[in-house]
């Protein structure tokens, strides 16, 4: 188990004075069966009131308006979280039983449908079908599918954008964690395995020293249902461990962006993001 301190600063600089902005932030982790939030807070400049709630998919949301004129917006989320590894456990469920169980729950049924972001390239669907055909256990098939995606796609920034789809990223075989998660989701769903997008943070150093802050970033991985939910990080081709801090789960990135909003003012705005992660135990 690790104790991680996360500071995530983001916001906008505008090309002039903004008269009002309306925003939602999904930057604070919640307590689950594998992580415990010791403390969390959200600071906003200019200062304003914050309404907090849990959205449809179970993600903590901080909603706020800034109704006084401003030229910049800065949001800083600070969290201290204890995290334990979440090793994959295969249940031995059959494909027929999976299909029956998945159809009985909204939680799983909704994670079977493709979205515009996850709809797979035909080659990805073929790869997933070939792997699934080799396995009687859909959980082991899901694991192998995610590994295959991680092996096939090279991590590279600047090739794709925040609005890129899984099919577009597959064409280049390059992308970031968001792209690899979308490709894996499309592959899993194409063979009837419920799968969901997970947003959060990853400490980049497996053997991080205690007390040493390092530059991190928001991260994304996937979870699939095969009798129970299991997670995997296709970007790094690793199981979900005590370096992964979960913030939200959803159908795809569109449901859980760290910051979303609209404003009244100049067209031009510049986004800035800085994530610092420190291992404390």
Foldseek 3Di string as FASTA:
>chain_A
DFKKKKKKKKWKFAPDKFQKKKKKFLADADDDPFKHWPDKDKAKPVDWDWDWDADPQGFIMTITMDRHIDRMMMMMMITIMFGFFFDDDFPLFFPVVLLVVLVVDPNQVVQLDADQQQAEDVVLQVVLVVLVVVDRQLSVSLLVSLQVLLVQAAEDPPPDDPPHHLHVRNVVSYYHQQNSQSPSSNSSSSVPWRKKKWKFWFDPDPPDDAPDKDWTDIHIWMWTDRPHIATARSNVSGGGGRRTGTRGIGNGVVVHPRMDMDTGDDPDMDMDMTMMMGTHD
